[in-house]
Amino acid sequence: MKATLFTTIGCHLCEIASSELKMLQKSGRIEFIKEVEIADSDELMKKYGTSIPVVKIREQEIHWPFELQDLETLIEKIEIRNS
C-alpha cells in the first residue's frame, strides 16, 4: 500500500507524521511513502496549507492531529473495504 504525506519544510508535525509512516513501512503495512511539498503548488497550499501534515492512502485522507493508531485504523478500513 502506498501513502502520500503532504508536508512542507520546517514542519515539526510533518516530521512526526513521517516517522509514524516509516514505522508502518518497517512493519510491512506501508510499502512506499511519497512526500509531497505543498509549497511547490498554489493548489496544494490552498487545500492543505492550514491542515498539514496530511496523509493520503488510496483515496482516504487523514489530517493532523493523528497518531500511529489512527493510521493503522485507516489502513485496516481500507483493507477491509478492498477485500
N, C-alpha and C. Protein backbone atom coordinates (compact mmCIF):
# COMPACT_ATOMS: atom_id res chain seq x y z
N MET A 1 0.84 -1.16 0.00
CA MET A 1 0.00 0.00 0.00
C MET A 1 0.90 1.24 0.00
N LYS A 2 0.52 2.24 -0.76
CA LYS A 2 1.29 3.46 -0.89
C LYS A 2 0.64 4.57 -0.05
N ALA A 3 1.48 5.37 0.62
CA ALA A 3 1.00 6.51 1.39
C ALA A 3 1.64 7.77 0.84
N THR A 4 0.85 8.82 0.78
CA THR A 4 1.36 10.13 0.38
C THR A 4 1.29 11.04 1.60
N LEU A 5 2.40 11.70 1.90
CA LEU A 5 2.46 12.65 3.00
C LEU A 5 2.59 14.05 2.43
N PHE A 6 1.58 14.86 2.65
CA PHE A 6 1.63 16.26 2.24
C PHE A 6 2.30 17.03 3.38
N THR A 7 3.38 17.73 3.04
CA THR A 7 4.28 18.29 4.03
C THR A 7 4.85 19.61 3.54
N THR A 8 5.63 20.25 4.40
CA THR A 8 6.41 21.42 3.98
C THR A 8 7.66 21.51 4.84
N ILE A 9 8.65 22.20 4.35
CA ILE A 9 9.93 22.34 5.05
C ILE A 9 9.72 23.04 6.39
N GLY A 10 10.37 22.51 7.41
CA GLY A 10 10.32 23.13 8.73
C GLY A 10 9.11 22.79 9.56
N CYS A 11 8.30 21.87 9.10
CA CYS A 11 7.07 21.48 9.82
C CYS A 11 7.41 20.33 10.77
N HIS A 12 7.51 20.62 12.08
CA HIS A 12 7.87 19.56 13.03
C HIS A 12 6.78 18.51 13.16
N LEU A 13 5.53 18.88 12.96
CA LEU A 13 4.44 17.90 12.98
C LEU A 13 4.56 16.94 11.80
N CYS A 14 5.02 17.48 10.68
CA CYS A 14 5.23 16.64 9.49
C CYS A 14 6.33 15.62 9.74
N GLU A 15 7.33 16.01 10.50
CA GLU A 15 8.41 15.08 10.85
C GLU A 15 7.88 13.94 11.71
N ILE A 16 6.97 14.25 12.61
CA ILE A 16 6.34 13.22 13.45
C ILE A 16 5.53 12.27 12.57
N ALA A 17 4.73 12.83 11.66
CA ALA A 17 3.92 12.02 10.76
C ALA A 17 4.81 11.13 9.89
N SER A 18 5.90 11.67 9.39
CA SER A 18 6.83 10.90 8.57
C SER A 18 7.41 9.74 9.36
N SER A 19 7.76 9.99 10.61
CA SER A 19 8.31 8.95 11.47
C SER A 19 7.28 7.84 11.70
N GLU A 20 6.02 8.22 11.90
CA GLU A 20 4.96 7.22 12.10
C GLU A 20 4.78 6.38 10.84
N LEU A 21 4.80 7.02 9.68
CA LEU A 21 4.68 6.28 8.42
C LEU A 21 5.85 5.33 8.22
N LYS A 22 7.04 5.76 8.60
CA LYS A 22 8.22 4.89 8.46
C LYS A 22 8.11 3.67 9.37
N MET A 23 7.49 3.84 10.55
CA MET A 23 7.26 2.68 11.42
C MET A 23 6.31 1.69 10.75
N LEU A 24 5.27 2.22 10.10
CA LEU A 24 4.34 1.36 9.38
C LEU A 24 5.00 0.68 8.19
N GLN A 25 5.95 1.38 7.57
CA GLN A 25 6.68 0.80 6.45
C GLN A 25 7.58 -0.34 6.95
N LYS A 26 8.24 -0.15 8.07
CA LYS A 26 9.10 -1.19 8.63
C LYS A 26 8.30 -2.44 9.01
N SER A 27 7.06 -2.22 9.44
CA SER A 27 6.22 -3.35 9.84
C SER A 27 5.54 -4.02 8.65
N GLY A 28 5.69 -3.42 7.45
CA GLY A 28 5.11 -4.00 6.25
C GLY A 28 3.70 -3.53 5.92
N ARG A 29 3.16 -2.63 6.72
CA ARG A 29 1.79 -2.13 6.48
C ARG A 29 1.76 -1.14 5.31
N ILE A 30 2.85 -0.40 5.14
CA ILE A 30 3.01 0.56 4.05
C ILE A 30 4.20 0.11 3.22
N GLU A 31 4.05 0.08 1.90
CA GLU A 31 5.15 -0.33 1.03
C GLU A 31 5.99 0.86 0.59
N PHE A 32 5.34 1.98 0.33
CA PHE A 32 6.02 3.13 -0.26
C PHE A 32 5.45 4.41 0.33
N ILE A 33 6.32 5.36 0.65
CA ILE A 33 5.90 6.67 1.16
C ILE A 33 6.37 7.74 0.19
N LYS A 34 5.44 8.51 -0.29
CA LYS A 34 5.76 9.63 -1.17
C LYS A 34 5.51 10.93 -0.40
N GLU A 35 6.53 11.77 -0.30
CA GLU A 35 6.37 13.06 0.36
C GLU A 35 6.16 14.13 -0.70
N VAL A 36 5.12 14.94 -0.52
CA VAL A 36 4.78 15.99 -1.46
C VAL A 36 4.91 17.33 -0.75
N GLU A 37 5.76 18.19 -1.29
CA GLU A 37 5.98 19.53 -0.76
C GLU A 37 4.85 20.44 -1.24
N ILE A 38 4.00 20.88 -0.31
CA ILE A 38 2.84 21.66 -0.72
C ILE A 38 3.22 23.07 -1.18
N ALA A 39 4.37 23.57 -0.73
CA ALA A 39 4.78 24.93 -1.12
C ALA A 39 5.10 25.04 -2.60
N ASP A 40 5.24 23.91 -3.28
CA ASP A 40 5.52 23.91 -4.71
C ASP A 40 4.28 24.09 -5.57
N SER A 41 3.10 24.15 -4.94
CA SER A 41 1.86 24.23 -5.68
C SER A 41 0.86 25.15 -4.98
N ASP A 42 0.38 26.17 -5.69
CA ASP A 42 -0.63 27.05 -5.12
C ASP A 42 -1.89 26.27 -4.75
N GLU A 43 -2.25 25.32 -5.59
CA GLU A 43 -3.45 24.50 -5.34
C GLU A 43 -3.31 23.71 -4.03
N LEU A 44 -2.14 23.07 -3.85
CA LEU A 44 -1.92 22.30 -2.63
C LEU A 44 -1.83 23.21 -1.40
N MET A 45 -1.27 24.40 -1.57
CA MET A 45 -1.21 25.36 -0.46
C MET A 45 -2.62 25.74 -0.01
N LYS A 46 -3.51 25.97 -0.97
CA LYS A 46 -4.89 26.32 -0.63
C LYS A 46 -5.59 25.15 0.06
N LYS A 47 -5.35 23.95 -0.44
CA LYS A 47 -6.04 22.77 0.06
C LYS A 47 -5.52 22.32 1.43
N TYR A 48 -4.19 22.34 1.62
CA TYR A 48 -3.59 21.74 2.81
C TYR A 48 -2.82 22.72 3.70
N GLY A 49 -2.73 23.97 3.30
CA GLY A 49 -1.87 24.93 4.00
C GLY A 49 -2.09 25.06 5.49
N THR A 50 -3.32 24.87 5.95
CA THR A 50 -3.60 25.01 7.39
C THR A 50 -3.86 23.68 8.07
N SER A 51 -3.69 22.58 7.35
CA SER A 51 -4.01 21.29 7.96
C SER A 51 -2.90 20.25 7.86
N ILE A 52 -1.70 20.65 7.40
CA ILE A 52 -0.62 19.67 7.30
C ILE A 52 -0.13 19.30 8.69
N PRO A 53 0.38 18.12 8.84
CA PRO A 53 0.55 17.09 7.82
C PRO A 53 -0.77 16.39 7.48
N VAL A 54 -0.84 15.95 6.25
CA VAL A 54 -1.98 15.18 5.77
C VAL A 54 -1.42 13.91 5.13
N VAL A 55 -2.00 12.78 5.49
CA VAL A 55 -1.61 11.51 4.89
C VAL A 55 -2.77 11.03 4.02
N LYS A 56 -2.44 10.62 2.81
CA LYS A 56 -3.43 10.08 1.89
C LYS A 56 -3.03 8.64 1.55
N ILE A 57 -3.97 7.74 1.76
CA ILE A 57 -3.78 6.34 1.39
C ILE A 57 -4.97 5.96 0.54
N ARG A 58 -4.67 5.57 -0.69
CA ARG A 58 -5.69 5.39 -1.72
C ARG A 58 -6.44 6.71 -1.83
N GLU A 59 -7.73 6.74 -1.63
CA GLU A 59 -8.47 8.00 -1.74
C GLU A 59 -8.85 8.57 -0.37
N GLN A 60 -8.35 7.94 0.68
CA GLN A 60 -8.68 8.37 2.04
C GLN A 60 -7.60 9.29 2.59
N GLU A 61 -8.02 10.38 3.21
CA GLU A 61 -7.08 11.31 3.81
C GLU A 61 -7.32 11.40 5.31
N ILE A 62 -6.23 11.60 6.03
CA ILE A 62 -6.30 11.86 7.45
C ILE A 62 -5.47 13.12 7.73
N HIS A 63 -6.10 14.08 8.38
CA HIS A 63 -5.47 15.37 8.66
C HIS A 63 -5.01 15.40 10.12
N TRP A 64 -3.96 16.18 10.37
CA TRP A 64 -3.45 16.32 11.72
C TRP A 64 -4.53 16.94 12.58
N PRO A 65 -4.73 16.55 13.81
CA PRO A 65 -3.89 15.65 14.60
C PRO A 65 -4.29 14.19 14.43
N PHE A 66 -3.28 13.33 14.35
CA PHE A 66 -3.48 11.89 14.31
C PHE A 66 -2.27 11.23 14.94
N GLU A 67 -2.48 9.98 15.33
CA GLU A 67 -1.41 9.19 15.93
C GLU A 67 -1.22 7.92 15.11
N LEU A 68 -0.22 7.16 15.46
CA LEU A 68 0.08 5.91 14.76
C LEU A 68 -1.16 5.00 14.72
N GLN A 69 -1.87 4.90 15.83
CA GLN A 69 -3.06 4.05 15.89
C GLN A 69 -4.12 4.50 14.89
N ASP A 70 -4.26 5.82 14.69
CA ASP A 70 -5.23 6.34 13.72
C ASP A 70 -4.85 5.91 12.30
N LEU A 71 -3.55 5.93 12.00
CA LEU A 71 -3.09 5.48 10.68
C LEU A 71 -3.33 3.99 10.49
N GLU A 72 -3.07 3.22 11.55
CA GLU A 72 -3.32 1.77 11.47
C GLU A 72 -4.81 1.48 11.25
N THR A 73 -5.67 2.22 11.93
CA THR A 73 -7.11 2.05 11.77
C THR A 73 -7.54 2.39 10.34
N LEU A 74 -6.99 3.46 9.79
CA LEU A 74 -7.29 3.84 8.41
C LEU A 74 -6.89 2.73 7.45
N ILE A 75 -5.71 2.18 7.62
CA ILE A 75 -5.23 1.10 6.76
C ILE A 75 -6.14 -0.11 6.88
N GLU A 76 -6.53 -0.47 8.10
CA GLU A 76 -7.42 -1.61 8.29
C GLU A 76 -8.76 -1.40 7.58
N LYS A 77 -9.32 -0.20 7.67
CA LYS A 77 -10.59 0.09 7.00
C LYS A 77 -10.45 -0.04 5.48
N ILE A 78 -9.34 0.43 4.95
CA ILE A 78 -9.10 0.33 3.51
C ILE A 78 -8.95 -1.14 3.11
N GLU A 79 -8.21 -1.91 3.91
CA GLU A 79 -8.01 -3.33 3.59
C GLU A 79 -9.33 -4.08 3.62
N ILE A 80 -10.17 -3.80 4.61
CA ILE A 80 -11.48 -4.45 4.72
C ILE A 80 -12.36 -4.09 3.51
N ARG A 81 -12.36 -2.82 3.16
CA ARG A 81 -13.16 -2.34 2.05
C ARG A 81 -12.74 -2.98 0.73
N ASN A 82 -11.45 -3.27 0.59
CA ASN A 82 -10.93 -3.80 -0.67
C ASN A 82 -10.82 -5.32 -0.70
N SER A 83 -11.31 -5.98 0.35
CA SER A 83 -11.21 -7.44 0.34
C SER A 83 -12.49 -8.10 -0.12
